Amino acid sequence: MPVDLLFVLIIILVFVVMWRGPKTLPKLGEALGRGVKEARVEATKAQAEIQARASGDEATATPGTTSATTPATDTPPSTDGQPRT
């Protein structure tokens, strides 16, 4: 099975060289490498954010934003409609 994959990749490489020319291959490889690097960085950030949210540490997952929960008040709300003093 891996031999078939290698054979297909070699054929694709030959077609790319014929289509784009041998001088542009380094530029194509550089662009592909940059894209892979950016994808890995973003995947690492996303994984860290997911782990932070799973552990309940919302402050480190999204810095600069507030939590979705509201803080608890000291006095319970009035049941008769009159404000408590």
Protein backbone atom coordinates (compact mmCIF):
# COMPACT_ATOMS: atom_id res chain seq x y z
CA MET A 1 0.00 0.00 0.00
CA PRO A 2 2.71 2.61 0.86
CA VAL A 3 4.47 1.84 -2.44
CA ASP A 4 1.33 2.84 -4.34
CA LEU A 5 1.16 6.14 -2.45
CA LEU A 6 4.82 6.87 -3.16
CA PHE A 7 4.32 6.11 -6.84
CA VAL A 8 1.34 8.49 -7.03
CA LEU A 9 3.28 11.26 -5.28
CA ILE A 10 6.19 10.88 -7.70
CA ILE A 11 3.83 11.10 -10.68
CA ILE A 12 2.20 14.22 -9.20
CA LEU A 13 5.65 15.78 -8.67
CA VAL A 14 6.61 15.09 -12.29
CA PHE A 15 3.41 16.75 -13.52
CA VAL A 16 3.98 19.78 -11.28
CA VAL A 17 7.55 20.17 -12.56
CA MET A 18 6.33 19.96 -16.16
CA TRP A 19 3.47 22.40 -15.52
CA ARG A 20 5.17 25.04 -13.34
CA GLY A 21 8.82 24.55 -14.26
CA PRO A 22 11.71 23.59 -12.00
CA LYS A 23 12.53 27.20 -11.04
CA THR A 24 9.23 27.79 -9.26
CA LEU A 25 9.29 24.61 -7.16
CA PRO A 26 11.24 26.19 -4.25
CA LYS A 27 8.67 29.00 -4.06
CA LEU A 28 5.82 26.49 -4.06
CA GLY A 29 7.52 24.45 -1.34
CA GLU A 30 8.13 27.55 0.75
CA ALA A 31 4.49 28.61 0.48
CA LEU A 32 3.32 25.11 1.39
CA GLY A 33 5.67 25.02 4.39
CA ARG A 34 4.42 28.41 5.59
CA GLY A 35 0.84 27.21 5.34
CA VAL A 36 1.56 24.04 7.29
CA LYS A 37 3.37 26.04 9.99
CA GLU A 38 0.45 28.46 10.36
CA ALA A 39 -2.00 25.57 10.54
CA ARG A 40 0.02 23.92 13.32
CA VAL A 41 0.20 27.16 15.32
CA GLU A 42 -3.54 27.72 15.04
CA ALA A 43 -4.26 24.09 15.94
CA THR A 44 -2.07 24.43 19.05
CA LYS A 45 -3.88 27.62 20.07
CA ALA A 46 -7.27 26.01 19.56
CA GLN A 47 -6.25 22.92 21.53
CA ALA A 48 -4.99 25.06 24.43
CA GLU A 49 -8.22 27.06 24.45
CA ILE A 50 -10.33 23.90 24.46
CA GLN A 51 -8.31 22.42 27.32
CA ALA A 52 -8.58 25.66 29.30
CA ARG A 53 -12.35 25.74 28.85
CA ALA A 54 -12.66 22.08 29.79
CA SER A 55 -10.75 22.65 33.02
CA GLY A 56 -13.01 25.58 33.90
CA ASP A 57 -10.31 28.21 33.69
CA GLU A 58 -12.19 30.75 31.53
CA ALA A 59 -9.83 33.66 32.30
CA THR A 60 -6.80 32.10 30.62
CA ALA A 61 -8.79 30.73 27.68
CA THR A 62 -9.96 34.13 26.44
CA PRO A 63 -7.93 36.98 27.93
CA GLY A 64 -9.55 40.40 27.92
CA THR A 65 -13.13 39.13 28.03
CA THR A 66 -15.48 38.74 30.93
CA SER A 67 -17.04 35.56 32.12
CA ALA A 68 -20.56 34.70 31.02
CA THR A 69 -21.69 34.06 34.60
CA THR A 70 -23.02 36.87 36.76
CA PRO A 71 -21.58 37.49 40.22
CA ALA A 72 -23.66 36.49 43.21
CA THR A 73 -25.24 39.28 45.25
CA ASP A 74 -25.16 39.48 49.04
CA THR A 75 -28.87 40.10 49.50
CA PRO A 76 -31.53 37.86 48.00
CA PRO A 77 -34.22 39.53 45.88
CA SER A 78 -37.37 40.74 47.60
CA THR A 79 -40.49 38.61 47.20
CA ASP A 80 -43.04 41.36 48.10
CA GLY A 81 -41.96 43.83 45.39
CA GLN A 82 -40.38 46.29 47.86
CA PRO A 83 -36.66 47.03 47.56
CA ARG A 84 -34.57 45.90 50.50
CA THR A 85 -32.56 48.49 52.35
